[in-house]
Amino acid sequence: MGAQQSGPFRRPTPQEVAAAAGRGLPDVIGPGLRVLFCGFNPGLYSAAVGLPFARRGSRFWPALHGAGFTDRQLHPWEHGCRP
């Protein structure tokens, strides 16, 4: 079974997801910080692809937009985009 495409990043195989157990993600903290969102223990899917809140069903991105932090709903691969 091969990996499938999901957005601009490749969807991990079940084996890659399982291998991500215990893997973390780097903190994203920059200068001039006004808000800090804290997530803990990235899910296996997020760790496998190396992106925060990466699973399609993540409620983080709609909540971020709904709260007025972004002018549109971002996708996980846009995590470096800041308004």
PDB file of N, CA and C in Angstrom:
ATOM      1  N   MET A   1       0.844  -1.166   0.000  1.00  0.00           N
ATOM      2  CA  MET A   1       0.000   0.000   0.000  1.00  0.00           C
ATOM      3  C   MET A   1       0.895   1.237   0.000  1.00  0.00           C
ATOM      4  N   GLY A   2       0.742   2.131  -0.962  1.00  0.00           N
ATOM      5  CA  GLY A   2       1.567   3.321  -1.052  1.00  0.00           C
ATOM      6  C   GLY A   2       0.926   4.513  -0.373  1.00  0.00           C
ATOM      7  N   ALA A   3       1.710   5.543  -0.182  1.00  0.00           N
ATOM      8  CA  ALA A   3       1.200   6.763   0.430  1.00  0.00           C
ATOM      9  C   ALA A   3       0.311   7.496  -0.557  1.00  0.00           C
ATOM     10  N   GLN A   4      -0.670   8.209  -0.034  1.00  0.00           N
ATOM     11  CA  GLN A   4      -1.587   8.964  -0.867  1.00  0.00           C
ATOM     12  C   GLN A   4      -1.328  10.446  -0.685  1.00  0.00           C
ATOM     13  N   GLN A   5      -1.712  11.229  -1.681  1.00  0.00           N
ATOM     14  CA  GLN A   5      -1.521  12.672  -1.628  1.00  0.00           C
ATOM     15  C   GLN A   5      -2.680  13.319  -0.881  1.00  0.00           C
ATOM     16  N   SER A   6      -2.415  14.256   0.011  1.00  0.00           N
ATOM     17  CA  SER A   6      -3.430  14.999   0.744  1.00  0.00           C
ATOM     18  C   SER A   6      -2.940  16.432   0.881  1.00  0.00           C
ATOM     19  N   GLY A   7      -3.425  17.325   0.013  1.00  0.00           N
ATOM     20  CA  GLY A   7      -2.899  18.684  -0.006  1.00  0.00           C
ATOM     21  C   GLY A   7      -1.496  18.655  -0.578  1.00  0.00           C
ATOM     22  N   PRO A   8      -0.678  19.648  -0.243  1.00  0.00           N
ATOM     23  CA  PRO A   8       0.671  19.677  -0.792  1.00  0.00           C
ATOM     24  C   PRO A   8       1.656  18.756  -0.079  1.00  0.00           C
ATOM     25  N   PHE A   9       1.208  18.023   0.919  1.00  0.00           N
ATOM     26  CA  PHE A   9       2.106  17.057   1.541  1.00  0.00           C
ATOM     27  C   PHE A   9       1.550  15.655   1.348  1.00  0.00           C
ATOM     28  N   ARG A  10       2.438  14.696   1.392  1.00  0.00           N
ATOM     29  CA  ARG A  10       2.085  13.299   1.155  1.00  0.00           C
ATOM     30  C   ARG A  10       1.462  12.695   2.406  1.00  0.00           C
ATOM     31  N   ARG A  11       0.332  12.016   2.236  1.00  0.00           N
ATOM     32  CA  ARG A  11      -0.309  11.329   3.355  1.00  0.00           C
ATOM     33  C   ARG A  11       0.568  10.156   3.777  1.00  0.00           C
ATOM     34  N   PRO A  12       0.848  10.021   5.068  1.00  0.00           N
ATOM     35  CA  PRO A  12       1.724   8.932   5.511  1.00  0.00           C
ATOM     36  C   PRO A  12       1.025   7.575   5.431  1.00  0.00           C
ATOM     37  N   THR A  13       1.820   6.565   5.251  1.00  0.00           N
ATOM     38  CA  THR A  13       1.304   5.196   5.260  1.00  0.00           C
ATOM     39  C   THR A  13       1.019   4.799   6.712  1.00  0.00           C
ATOM     40  N   PRO A  14       0.226   3.763   6.930  1.00  0.00           N
ATOM     41  CA  PRO A  14      -0.002   3.300   8.301  1.00  0.00           C
ATOM     42  C   PRO A  14       1.304   2.948   9.022  1.00  0.00           C
ATOM     43  N   GLN A  15       2.272   2.425   8.291  1.00  0.00           N
ATOM     44  CA  GLN A  15       3.565   2.087   8.891  1.00  0.00           C
ATOM     45  C   GLN A  15       4.304   3.353   9.339  1.00  0.00           C
ATOM     46  N   GLU A  16       4.239   4.406   8.537  1.00  0.00           N
ATOM     47  CA  GLU A  16       4.892   5.667   8.902  1.00  0.00           C
ATOM     48  C   GLU A  16       4.224   6.297  10.124  1.00  0.00           C
ATOM     49  N   VAL A  17       2.904   6.193  10.193  1.00  0.00           N
ATOM     50  CA  VAL A  17       2.188   6.725  11.353  1.00  0.00           C
ATOM     51  C   VAL A  17       2.595   5.961  12.609  1.00  0.00           C
ATOM     52  N   ALA A  18       2.636   4.639  12.524  1.00  0.00           N
ATOM     53  CA  ALA A  18       3.031   3.825  13.678  1.00  0.00           C
ATOM     54  C   ALA A  18       4.464   4.132  14.109  1.00  0.00           C
ATOM     55  N   ALA A  19       5.338   4.379  13.150  1.00  0.00           N
ATOM     56  CA  ALA A  19       6.740   4.669  13.455  1.00  0.00           C
ATOM     57  C   ALA A  19       6.924   6.040  14.105  1.00  0.00           C
ATOM     58  N   ALA A  20       5.905   6.895  14.051  1.00  0.00           N
ATOM     59  CA  ALA A  20       6.001   8.239  14.619  1.00  0.00           C
ATOM     60  C   ALA A  20       5.774   8.261  16.128  1.00  0.00           C
ATOM     61  N   ALA A  21       5.488   7.119  16.719  1.00  0.00           N
ATOM     62  CA  ALA A  21       5.259   7.061  18.171  1.00  0.00           C
ATOM     63  C   ALA A  21       6.460   7.638  18.916  1.00  0.00           C
ATOM     64  N   GLY A  22       6.201   8.571  19.806  1.00  0.00           N
ATOM     65  CA  GLY A  22       7.259   9.187  20.598  1.00  0.00           C
ATOM     66  C   GLY A  22       7.959  10.347  19.919  1.00  0.00           C
ATOM     67  N   ARG A  23       7.647  10.602  18.666  1.00  0.00           N
ATOM     68  CA  ARG A  23       8.274  11.707  17.937  1.00  0.00           C
ATOM     69  C   ARG A  23       7.527  12.998  18.264  1.00  0.00           C
ATOM     70  N   GLY A  24       8.246  14.062  18.469  1.00  0.00           N
ATOM     71  CA  GLY A  24       7.636  15.354  18.757  1.00  0.00           C
ATOM     72  C   GLY A  24       7.732  16.289  17.570  1.00  0.00           C
ATOM     73  N   LEU A  25       7.287  17.498  17.770  1.00  0.00           N
ATOM     74  CA  LEU A  25       7.395  18.559  16.771  1.00  0.00           C
ATOM     75  C   LEU A  25       8.098  19.741  17.421  1.00  0.00           C
ATOM     76  N   PRO A  26       8.851  20.513  16.650  1.00  0.00           N
ATOM     77  CA  PRO A  26       9.529  21.669  17.244  1.00  0.00           C
ATOM     78  C   PRO A  26       8.523  22.755  17.630  1.00  0.00           C
ATOM     79  N   ASP A  27       8.841  23.495  18.674  1.00  0.00           N
ATOM     80  CA  ASP A  27       8.020  24.637  19.056  1.00  0.00           C
ATOM     81  C   ASP A  27       8.143  25.707  17.982  1.00  0.00           C
ATOM     82  N   VAL A  28       7.074  26.456  17.771  1.00  0.00           N
ATOM     83  CA  VAL A  28       7.082  27.563  16.814  1.00  0.00           C
ATOM     84  C   VAL A  28       6.807  28.825  17.626  1.00  0.00           C
ATOM     85  N   ILE A  29       7.893  29.469  18.049  1.00  0.00           N
ATOM     86  CA  ILE A  29       7.787  30.679  18.859  1.00  0.00           C
ATOM     87  C   ILE A  29       8.696  31.724  18.227  1.00  0.00           C
ATOM     88  N   GLY A  30       8.123  32.848  17.843  1.00  0.00           N
ATOM     89  CA  GLY A  30       8.898  33.875  17.169  1.00  0.00           C
ATOM     90  C   GLY A  30       8.930  35.178  17.944  1.00  0.00           C
ATOM     91  N   PRO A  31       9.714  36.133  17.453  1.00  0.00           N
ATOM     92  CA  PRO A  31       9.805  37.438  18.109  1.00  0.00           C
ATOM     93  C   PRO A  31       8.479  38.195  17.991  1.00  0.00           C
ATOM     94  N   GLY A  32       8.207  39.045  18.944  1.00  0.00           N
ATOM     95  CA  GLY A  32       6.998  39.857  18.909  1.00  0.00           C
ATOM     96  C   GLY A  32       5.728  39.061  19.176  1.00  0.00           C
ATOM     97  N   LEU A  33       5.856  37.953  19.854  1.00  0.00           N
ATOM     98  CA  LEU A  33       4.736  37.060  20.122  1.00  0.00           C
ATOM     99  C   LEU A  33       3.650  37.776  20.915  1.00  0.00           C
ATOM    100  N   ARG A  34       2.406  37.690  20.436  1.00  0.00           N
ATOM    101  CA  ARG A  34       1.279  38.298  21.144  1.00  0.00           C
ATOM    102  C   ARG A  34       0.295  37.254  21.645  1.00  0.00           C
ATOM    103  N   VAL A  35       0.294  36.090  21.020  1.00  0.00           N
ATOM    104  CA  VAL A  35      -0.588  34.989  21.428  1.00  0.00           C
ATOM    105  C   VAL A  35       0.210  33.701  21.321  1.00  0.00           C
ATOM    106  N   LEU A  36       0.010  32.808  22.268  1.00  0.00           N
ATOM    107  CA  LEU A  36       0.677  31.511  22.230  1.00  0.00           C
ATOM    108  C   LEU A  36      -0.380  30.422  22.353  1.00  0.00           C
ATOM    109  N   PHE A  37      -0.463  29.566  21.342  1.00  0.00           N
ATOM    110  CA  PHE A  37      -1.365  28.418  21.369  1.00  0.00           C
ATOM    111  C   PHE A  37      -0.543  27.210  21.786  1.00  0.00           C
ATOM    112  N   CYS A  38      -1.008  26.529  22.795  1.00  0.00           N
ATOM    113  CA  CYS A  38      -0.275  25.369  23.308  1.00  0.00           C
ATOM    114  C   CYS A  38      -1.019  24.092  22.961  1.00  0.00           C
ATOM    115  N   GLY A  39      -0.359  23.260  22.209  1.00  0.00           N
ATOM    116  CA  GLY A  39      -0.862  21.923  21.949  1.00  0.00           C
ATOM    117  C   GLY A  39       0.097  20.976  22.645  1.00  0.00           C
ATOM    118  N   PHE A  40      -0.381  19.830  23.056  1.00  0.00           N
ATOM    119  CA  PHE A  40       0.520  18.909  23.737  1.00  0.00           C
ATOM    120  C   PHE A  40       0.471  17.555  23.061  1.00  0.00           C
ATOM    121  N   ASN A  41       1.602  16.887  23.139  1.00  0.00           N
ATOM    122  CA  ASN A  41       1.724  15.541  22.584  1.00  0.00           C
ATOM    123  C   ASN A  41       1.107  15.440  21.190  1.00  0.00           C
ATOM    124  N   PRO A  42       1.846  15.804  20.154  1.00  0.00           N
ATOM    125  CA  PRO A  42       1.252  15.736  18.815  1.00  0.00           C
ATOM    126  C   PRO A  42       0.759  14.330  18.516  1.00  0.00           C
ATOM    127  N   GLY A  43      -0.342  14.258  17.790  1.00  0.00           N
ATOM    128  CA  GLY A  43      -0.859  12.963  17.371  1.00  0.00           C
ATOM    129  C   GLY A  43       0.140  12.267  16.457  1.00  0.00           C
ATOM    130  N   LEU A  44      -0.024  10.972  16.302  1.00  0.00           N
ATOM    131  CA  LEU A  44       0.886  10.207  15.448  1.00  0.00           C
ATOM    132  C   LEU A  44       0.881  10.737  14.024  1.00  0.00           C
ATOM    133  N   TYR A  45      -0.287  11.100  13.507  1.00  0.00           N
ATOM    134  CA  TYR A  45      -0.380  11.610  12.138  1.00  0.00           C
ATOM    135  C   TYR A  45       0.422  12.908  12.011  1.00  0.00           C
ATOM    136  N   SER A  46       0.229  13.836  12.944  1.00  0.00           N
ATOM    137  CA  SER A  46       0.970  15.105  12.911  1.00  0.00           C
ATOM    138  C   SER A  46       2.468  14.876  13.017  1.00  0.00           C
ATOM    139  N   ALA A  47       2.874  13.965  13.898  1.00  0.00           N
ATOM    140  CA  ALA A  47       4.301  13.663  14.040  1.00  0.00           C
ATOM    141  C   ALA A  47       4.853  13.022  12.774  1.00  0.00           C
ATOM    142  N   ALA A  48       4.059  12.174  12.128  1.00  0.00           N
ATOM    143  CA  ALA A  48       4.523  11.491  10.915  1.00  0.00           C
ATOM    144  C   ALA A  48       4.755  12.464   9.768  1.00  0.00           C
ATOM    145  N   VAL A  49       3.890  13.484   9.634  1.00  0.00           N
ATOM    146  CA  VAL A  49       4.052  14.434   8.529  1.00  0.00           C
ATOM    147  C   VAL A  49       4.850  15.663   8.941  1.00  0.00           C
ATOM    148  N   GLY A  50       5.092  15.838  10.253  1.00  0.00           N
ATOM    149  CA  GLY A  50       5.898  16.954  10.725  1.00  0.00           C
ATOM    150  C   GLY A  50       5.180  18.287  10.732  1.00  0.00           C
ATOM    151  N   LEU A  51       3.849  18.256  10.826  1.00  0.00           N
ATOM    152  CA  LEU A  51       3.056  19.486  10.822  1.00  0.00           C
ATOM    153  C   LEU A  51       2.087  19.483  12.000  1.00  0.00           C
ATOM    154  N   PRO A  52       1.930  20.611  12.676  1.00  0.00           N
ATOM    155  CA  PRO A  52       1.000  20.649  13.804  1.00  0.00           C
ATOM    156  C   PRO A  52      -0.456  20.581  13.357  1.00  0.00           C
ATOM    157  N   PHE A  53      -1.269  19.879  14.121  1.00  0.00           N
ATOM    158  CA  PHE A  53      -2.707  19.776  13.867  1.00  0.00           C
ATOM    159  C   PHE A  53      -2.993  19.375  12.417  1.00  0.00           C
ATOM    160  N   ALA A  54      -2.282  18.352  11.943  1.00  0.00           N
ATOM    161  CA  ALA A  54      -2.280  18.013  10.517  1.00  0.00           C
ATOM    162  C   ALA A  54      -3.455  17.162  10.055  1.00  0.00           C
ATOM    163  N   ARG A  55      -4.090  16.435  10.935  1.00  0.00           N
ATOM    164  CA  ARG A  55      -5.164  15.540  10.501  1.00  0.00           C
ATOM    165  C   ARG A  55      -6.316  16.356   9.922  1.00  0.00           C
ATOM    166  N   ARG A  56      -6.902  15.832   8.861  1.00  0.00           N
ATOM    167  CA  ARG A  56      -7.984  16.523   8.155  1.00  0.00           C
ATOM    168  C   ARG A  56      -9.106  16.972   9.101  1.00  0.00           C
ATOM    169  N   GLY A  57      -9.439  16.184  10.097  1.00  0.00           N
ATOM    170  CA  GLY A  57     -10.534  16.511  11.006  1.00  0.00           C
ATOM    171  C   GLY A  57     -10.159  17.419  12.166  1.00  0.00           C
ATOM    172  N   SER A  58      -8.936  17.940  12.177  1.00  0.00           N
ATOM    173  CA  SER A  58      -8.507  18.805  13.278  1.00  0.00           C
ATOM    174  C   SER A  58      -9.414  20.026  13.370  1.00  0.00           C
ATOM    175  N   ARG A  59      -9.857  20.341  14.575  1.00  0.00           N
ATOM    176  CA  ARG A  59     -10.721  21.504  14.777  1.00  0.00           C
ATOM    177  C   ARG A  59      -9.919  22.778  15.045  1.00  0.00           C
ATOM    178  N   PHE A  60      -8.590  22.659  15.117  1.00  0.00           N
ATOM    179  CA  PHE A  60      -7.768  23.833  15.421  1.00  0.00           C
ATOM    180  C   PHE A  60      -7.897  24.909  14.344  1.00  0.00           C
ATOM    181  N   TRP A  61      -7.743  24.534  13.085  1.00  0.00           N
ATOM    182  CA  TRP A  61      -7.726  25.524  12.004  1.00  0.00           C
ATOM    183  C   TRP A  61      -9.068  26.235  11.842  1.00  0.00           C
ATOM    184  N   PRO A  62     -10.212  25.535  11.874  1.00  0.00           N
ATOM    185  CA  PRO A  62     -11.490  26.257  11.835  1.00  0.00           C
ATOM    186  C   PRO A  62     -11.687  27.159  13.062  1.00  0.00           C
ATOM    187  N   ALA A  63     -11.240  26.699  14.241  1.00  0.00           N
ATOM    188  CA  ALA A  63     -11.380  27.515  15.450  1.00  0.00           C
ATOM    189  C   ALA A  63     -10.502  28.764  15.373  1.00  0.00           C
ATOM    190  N   LEU A  64      -9.297  28.621  14.847  1.00  0.00           N
ATOM    191  CA  LEU A  64      -8.386  29.756  14.697  1.00  0.00           C
ATOM    192  C   LEU A  64      -9.019  30.830  13.822  1.00  0.00           C
ATOM    193  N   HIS A  65      -9.601  30.401  12.719  1.00  0.00           N
ATOM    194  CA  HIS A  65     -10.265  31.341  11.810  1.00  0.00           C
ATOM    195  C   HIS A  65     -11.543  31.896  12.442  1.00  0.00           C
ATOM    196  N   GLY A  66     -12.345  31.023  13.036  1.00  0.00           N
ATOM    197  CA  GLY A  66     -13.602  31.449  13.643  1.00  0.00           C
ATOM    198  C   GLY A  66     -13.413  32.461  14.762  1.00  0.00           C
ATOM    199  N   ALA A  67     -12.281  32.400  15.438  1.00  0.00           N
ATOM    200  CA  ALA A  67     -11.982  33.346  16.514  1.00  0.00           C
ATOM    201  C   ALA A  67     -11.435  34.667  15.983  1.00  0.00           C
ATOM    202  N   GLY A  68     -11.239  34.757  14.667  1.00  0.00           N
ATOM    203  CA  GLY A  68     -10.787  36.008  14.067  1.00  0.00           C
ATOM    204  C   GLY A  68      -9.285  36.189  13.978  1.00  0.00           C
ATOM    205  N   PHE A  69      -8.513  35.128  14.214  1.00  0.00           N
ATOM    206  CA  PHE A  69      -7.058  35.248  14.134  1.00  0.00           C
ATOM    207  C   PHE A  69      -6.545  35.252  12.701  1.00  0.00           C
ATOM    208  N   THR A  70      -7.314  34.721  11.760  1.00  0.00           N
ATOM    209  CA  THR A  70      -6.908  34.692  10.350  1.00  0.00           C
ATOM    210  C   THR A  70      -8.069  35.175   9.490  1.00  0.00           C
ATOM    211  N   ASP A  71      -7.756  35.698   8.306  1.00  0.00           N
ATOM    212  CA  ASP A  71      -8.812  36.187   7.419  1.00  0.00           C
ATOM    213  C   ASP A  71      -9.451  35.071   6.598  1.00  0.00           C
ATOM    214  N   ARG A  72      -8.865  33.881   6.653  1.00  0.00           N
ATOM    215  CA  ARG A  72      -9.423  32.703   5.984  1.00  0.00           C
ATOM    216  C   ARG A  72      -8.957  31.483   6.756  1.00  0.00           C
ATOM    217  N   GLN A  73      -9.618  30.363   6.509  1.00  0.00           N
ATOM    218  CA  GLN A  73      -9.197  29.138   7.190  1.00  0.00           C
ATOM    219  C   GLN A  73      -7.922  28.618   6.555  1.00  0.00           C
ATOM    220  N   LEU A  74      -6.895  28.466   7.371  1.00  0.00           N
ATOM    221  CA  LEU A  74      -5.614  27.945   6.899  1.00  0.00           C
ATOM    222  C   LEU A  74      -5.635  26.425   6.902  1.00  0.00           C
ATOM    223  N   HIS A  75      -4.694  25.841   6.188  1.00  0.00           N
ATOM    224  CA  HIS A  75      -4.491  24.396   6.155  1.00  0.00           C
ATOM    225  C   HIS A  75      -3.236  24.084   6.972  1.00  0.00           C
ATOM    226  N   PRO A  76      -3.090  22.852   7.431  1.00  0.00           N
ATOM    227  CA  PRO A  76      -1.918  22.511   8.244  1.00  0.00           C
ATOM    228  C   PRO A  76      -0.582  22.870   7.593  1.00  0.00           C
ATOM    229  N   TRP A  77      -0.473  22.709   6.282  1.00  0.00           N
ATOM    230  CA  TRP A  77       0.802  22.989   5.617  1.00  0.00           C
ATOM    231  C   TRP A  77       1.084  24.484   5.531  1.00  0.00           C
ATOM    232  N   GLU A  78       0.137  25.324   5.947  1.00  0.00           N
ATOM    233  CA  GLU A  78       0.336  26.771   5.977  1.00  0.00           C
ATOM    234  C   GLU A  78       0.656  27.260   7.392  1.00  0.00           C
ATOM    235  N   HIS A  79       1.095  26.364   8.266  1.00  0.00           N
ATOM    236  CA  HIS A  79       1.288  26.728   9.671  1.00  0.00           C
ATOM    237  C   HIS A  79       2.286  27.859   9.867  1.00  0.00           C
ATOM    238  N   GLY A  80       3.135  28.128   8.904  1.00  0.00           N
ATOM    239  CA  GLY A  80       4.091  29.225   9.011  1.00  0.00           C
ATOM    240  C   GLY A  80       3.521  30.556   8.566  1.00  0.00           C
ATOM    241  N   CYS A  81       2.307  30.563   7.995  1.00  0.00           N
ATOM    242  CA  CYS A  81       1.675  31.806   7.537  1.00  0.00           C
ATOM    243  C   CYS A  81       1.126  32.551   8.736  1.00  0.00           C
ATOM    244  N   ARG A  82       1.469  33.793   8.833  1.00  0.00           N
ATOM    245  CA  ARG A  82       0.963  34.610   9.930  1.00  0.00           C
ATOM    246  C   ARG A  82       0.323  35.856   9.349  1.00  0.00           C
ATOM    247  N   PRO A  83      -0.848  36.222   9.869  1.00  0.00           N
ATOM    248  CA  PRO A  83      -1.518  37.437   9.357  1.00  0.00           C
ATOM    249  C   PRO A  83      -0.761  38.704   9.705  1.00  0.00           C
TER     250      PRO A  83
END
